Amino acid sequence: MLLGVIADDFTGATDIAGFLVEHGMRTVQLNDVPHCNTVVDADAVVVSLKTRSCPVEQAIEQSLAALKWLQQQGCQQ
């Protein structure tokens, strides 16, 4: 995986996923952080969270969980 994106809402996630596909990247959009050993074969993964509208502590926790998952998948950026 070349690129990982953590989006704070579904709309933003969909926008960036569409942009990446238009520019030739095999892209997968996930709604929330996978809780199992999900392996994704794509150039880019966009993780859609609902952190824009939740308490700060929860937003940080979810964003860090998404980052950790992306790093475990070998995400380069």
N, C-alpha and C. Protein backbone atom coordinates (compact mmCIF):
# COMPACT_ATOMS: atom_id res chain seq x y z
N MET A 1 0.83 -1.17 0.00
CA MET A 1 0.00 0.00 0.00
C MET A 1 0.88 1.24 0.00
N LEU A 2 0.63 2.09 -0.96
CA LEU A 2 1.42 3.31 -1.08
C LEU A 2 0.91 4.43 -0.18
N LEU A 3 -0.41 4.59 -0.11
CA LEU A 3 -0.98 5.76 0.53
C LEU A 3 -2.14 5.36 1.44
N GLY A 4 -2.13 5.91 2.64
CA GLY A 4 -3.24 5.75 3.56
C GLY A 4 -3.81 7.10 3.90
N VAL A 5 -5.13 7.21 3.92
CA VAL A 5 -5.80 8.46 4.23
C VAL A 5 -6.76 8.20 5.38
N ILE A 6 -6.73 9.08 6.37
CA ILE A 6 -7.68 9.02 7.48
C ILE A 6 -8.60 10.22 7.32
N ALA A 7 -9.86 9.96 7.01
CA ALA A 7 -10.83 11.02 6.78
C ALA A 7 -11.74 11.17 8.00
N ASP A 8 -12.14 12.41 8.28
CA ASP A 8 -12.95 12.66 9.47
C ASP A 8 -14.45 12.50 9.23
N ASP A 9 -14.85 12.25 7.98
CA ASP A 9 -16.26 11.94 7.70
C ASP A 9 -16.37 11.21 6.36
N PHE A 10 -17.56 10.64 6.11
CA PHE A 10 -17.78 9.83 4.92
C PHE A 10 -17.65 10.65 3.64
N THR A 11 -18.16 11.87 3.66
CA THR A 11 -18.14 12.70 2.46
C THR A 11 -16.71 13.02 2.03
N GLY A 12 -15.88 13.44 2.98
CA GLY A 12 -14.49 13.72 2.66
C GLY A 12 -13.75 12.48 2.19
N ALA A 13 -14.06 11.34 2.81
CA ALA A 13 -13.43 10.08 2.42
C ALA A 13 -13.80 9.72 0.98
N THR A 14 -15.06 9.88 0.65
CA THR A 14 -15.52 9.57 -0.70
C THR A 14 -14.89 10.50 -1.73
N ASP A 15 -14.79 11.77 -1.38
CA ASP A 15 -14.16 12.75 -2.28
C ASP A 15 -12.72 12.37 -2.59
N ILE A 16 -11.92 12.09 -1.57
CA ILE A 16 -10.51 11.77 -1.80
C ILE A 16 -10.36 10.42 -2.49
N ALA A 17 -11.22 9.45 -2.15
CA ALA A 17 -11.14 8.15 -2.82
C ALA A 17 -11.42 8.30 -4.31
N GLY A 18 -12.42 9.09 -4.65
CA GLY A 18 -12.74 9.33 -6.06
C GLY A 18 -11.59 10.02 -6.78
N PHE A 19 -10.98 10.99 -6.14
CA PHE A 19 -9.83 11.69 -6.72
C PHE A 19 -8.69 10.71 -6.99
N LEU A 20 -8.41 9.83 -6.04
CA LEU A 20 -7.31 8.87 -6.21
C LEU A 20 -7.59 7.90 -7.35
N VAL A 21 -8.83 7.43 -7.44
CA VAL A 21 -9.21 6.52 -8.53
C VAL A 21 -9.07 7.22 -9.88
N GLU A 22 -9.53 8.46 -9.96
CA GLU A 22 -9.41 9.23 -11.21
C GLU A 22 -7.97 9.37 -11.66
N HIS A 23 -7.05 9.33 -10.72
CA HIS A 23 -5.63 9.48 -11.05
C HIS A 23 -4.90 8.14 -11.08
N GLY A 24 -5.66 7.07 -11.24
CA GLY A 24 -5.08 5.76 -11.53
C GLY A 24 -4.69 4.90 -10.35
N MET A 25 -5.05 5.28 -9.14
CA MET A 25 -4.69 4.45 -7.99
C MET A 25 -5.81 3.47 -7.67
N ARG A 26 -5.42 2.21 -7.48
CA ARG A 26 -6.39 1.21 -7.02
C ARG A 26 -6.69 1.56 -5.56
N THR A 27 -7.93 1.96 -5.30
CA THR A 27 -8.29 2.54 -4.01
C THR A 27 -9.44 1.80 -3.37
N VAL A 28 -9.32 1.60 -2.06
CA VAL A 28 -10.39 0.99 -1.26
C VAL A 28 -10.78 1.99 -0.18
N GLN A 29 -12.09 2.15 0.00
CA GLN A 29 -12.58 2.99 1.09
C GLN A 29 -13.21 2.10 2.15
N LEU A 30 -12.77 2.26 3.40
CA LEU A 30 -13.29 1.49 4.51
C LEU A 30 -14.08 2.41 5.43
N ASN A 31 -15.20 1.93 5.91
CA ASN A 31 -15.98 2.69 6.88
C ASN A 31 -15.60 2.20 8.27
N ASP A 32 -14.72 2.93 8.93
CA ASP A 32 -14.20 2.64 10.26
C ASP A 32 -12.94 1.78 10.15
N VAL A 33 -12.27 1.62 11.25
CA VAL A 33 -11.03 0.85 11.32
C VAL A 33 -11.40 -0.63 11.38
N PRO A 34 -10.81 -1.46 10.53
CA PRO A 34 -11.10 -2.90 10.61
C PRO A 34 -10.70 -3.46 11.98
N HIS A 35 -11.53 -4.32 12.52
CA HIS A 35 -11.26 -4.91 13.83
C HIS A 35 -10.69 -6.32 13.73
N CYS A 36 -10.55 -6.82 12.54
CA CYS A 36 -9.96 -8.15 12.35
C CYS A 36 -8.69 -7.99 11.52
N ASN A 37 -8.08 -9.07 11.17
CA ASN A 37 -6.85 -9.03 10.38
C ASN A 37 -7.16 -8.86 8.90
N THR A 38 -7.87 -7.81 8.56
CA THR A 38 -8.23 -7.52 7.18
C THR A 38 -6.99 -7.10 6.41
N VAL A 39 -6.77 -7.74 5.28
CA VAL A 39 -5.67 -7.38 4.41
C VAL A 39 -6.27 -6.79 3.14
N VAL A 40 -5.80 -5.63 2.74
CA VAL A 40 -6.33 -4.95 1.57
C VAL A 40 -5.24 -4.87 0.52
N ASP A 41 -5.56 -5.32 -0.69
CA ASP A 41 -4.62 -5.24 -1.81
C ASP A 41 -5.02 -4.04 -2.67
N ALA A 42 -4.39 -2.90 -2.40
CA ALA A 42 -4.70 -1.68 -3.13
C ALA A 42 -3.51 -0.74 -3.06
N ASP A 43 -3.51 0.24 -3.93
CA ASP A 43 -2.47 1.28 -3.88
C ASP A 43 -2.74 2.26 -2.75
N ALA A 44 -4.03 2.51 -2.49
CA ALA A 44 -4.42 3.47 -1.47
C ALA A 44 -5.63 2.94 -0.69
N VAL A 45 -5.65 3.27 0.59
CA VAL A 45 -6.80 2.94 1.43
C VAL A 45 -7.23 4.22 2.13
N VAL A 46 -8.53 4.48 2.06
CA VAL A 46 -9.12 5.63 2.74
C VAL A 46 -9.98 5.09 3.87
N VAL A 47 -9.64 5.46 5.10
CA VAL A 47 -10.41 5.03 6.27
C VAL A 47 -11.35 6.17 6.64
N SER A 48 -12.63 5.90 6.53
CA SER A 48 -13.65 6.90 6.83
C SER A 48 -14.08 6.76 8.29
N LEU A 49 -13.88 7.82 9.05
CA LEU A 49 -14.29 7.84 10.45
C LEU A 49 -15.41 8.86 10.63
N LYS A 50 -15.94 8.95 11.83
CA LYS A 50 -16.95 9.97 12.17
C LYS A 50 -16.39 10.88 13.24
N THR A 51 -15.14 11.26 13.07
CA THR A 51 -14.45 12.01 14.12
C THR A 51 -14.75 13.50 14.11
N ARG A 52 -15.36 13.98 13.08
CA ARG A 52 -15.70 15.40 13.02
C ARG A 52 -16.74 15.76 14.08
N SER A 53 -17.61 14.81 14.40
CA SER A 53 -18.74 15.12 15.27
C SER A 53 -18.70 14.39 16.62
N CYS A 54 -17.56 13.89 17.00
CA CYS A 54 -17.48 13.18 18.29
C CYS A 54 -16.55 13.94 19.24
N PRO A 55 -16.57 13.58 20.52
CA PRO A 55 -15.68 14.24 21.48
C PRO A 55 -14.21 14.10 21.07
N VAL A 56 -13.41 15.09 21.43
CA VAL A 56 -12.01 15.15 21.04
C VAL A 56 -11.25 13.89 21.42
N GLU A 57 -11.42 13.42 22.63
CA GLU A 57 -10.68 12.23 23.09
C GLU A 57 -11.01 11.02 22.23
N GLN A 58 -12.28 10.87 21.89
CA GLN A 58 -12.71 9.76 21.04
C GLN A 58 -12.15 9.91 19.63
N ALA A 59 -12.14 11.12 19.11
CA ALA A 59 -11.60 11.38 17.77
C ALA A 59 -10.12 11.02 17.71
N ILE A 60 -9.38 11.41 18.73
CA ILE A 60 -7.95 11.09 18.78
C ILE A 60 -7.75 9.59 18.84
N GLU A 61 -8.50 8.91 19.69
CA GLU A 61 -8.38 7.45 19.83
C GLU A 61 -8.66 6.74 18.51
N GLN A 62 -9.73 7.12 17.83
CA GLN A 62 -10.08 6.49 16.56
C GLN A 62 -9.05 6.79 15.48
N SER A 63 -8.58 8.02 15.44
CA SER A 63 -7.58 8.39 14.43
C SER A 63 -6.27 7.64 14.63
N LEU A 64 -5.85 7.51 15.88
CA LEU A 64 -4.62 6.75 16.17
C LEU A 64 -4.80 5.27 15.85
N ALA A 65 -5.99 4.74 16.08
CA ALA A 65 -6.27 3.33 15.74
C ALA A 65 -6.20 3.14 14.22
N ALA A 66 -6.72 4.10 13.47
CA ALA A 66 -6.64 4.03 12.01
C ALA A 66 -5.19 4.09 11.54
N LEU A 67 -4.42 5.00 12.14
CA LEU A 67 -3.00 5.11 11.81
C LEU A 67 -2.26 3.81 12.09
N LYS A 68 -2.51 3.23 13.24
CA LYS A 68 -1.85 1.97 13.61
C LYS A 68 -2.19 0.87 12.61
N TRP A 69 -3.46 0.77 12.22
CA TRP A 69 -3.86 -0.25 11.27
C TRP A 69 -3.16 -0.03 9.92
N LEU A 70 -3.14 1.21 9.46
CA LEU A 70 -2.47 1.51 8.19
C LEU A 70 -0.98 1.15 8.24
N GLN A 71 -0.34 1.47 9.36
CA GLN A 71 1.08 1.14 9.51
C GLN A 71 1.29 -0.37 9.52
N GLN A 72 0.39 -1.12 10.15
CA GLN A 72 0.49 -2.58 10.20
C GLN A 72 0.32 -3.18 8.80
N GLN A 73 -0.38 -2.47 7.93
CA GLN A 73 -0.59 -2.94 6.56
C GLN A 73 0.59 -2.59 5.66
N GLY A 74 1.59 -1.89 6.21
CA GLY A 74 2.76 -1.52 5.42
C GLY A 74 2.59 -0.25 4.62
N CYS A 75 1.66 0.56 5.02
CA CYS A 75 1.40 1.83 4.32
C CYS A 75 2.68 2.67 4.31
N GLN A 76 3.01 3.20 3.15
CA GLN A 76 4.25 3.98 2.99
C GLN A 76 4.07 5.46 3.31
N GLN A 77 2.90 6.00 3.05
CA GLN A 77 2.63 7.43 3.33
C GLN A 77 1.24 7.58 3.89
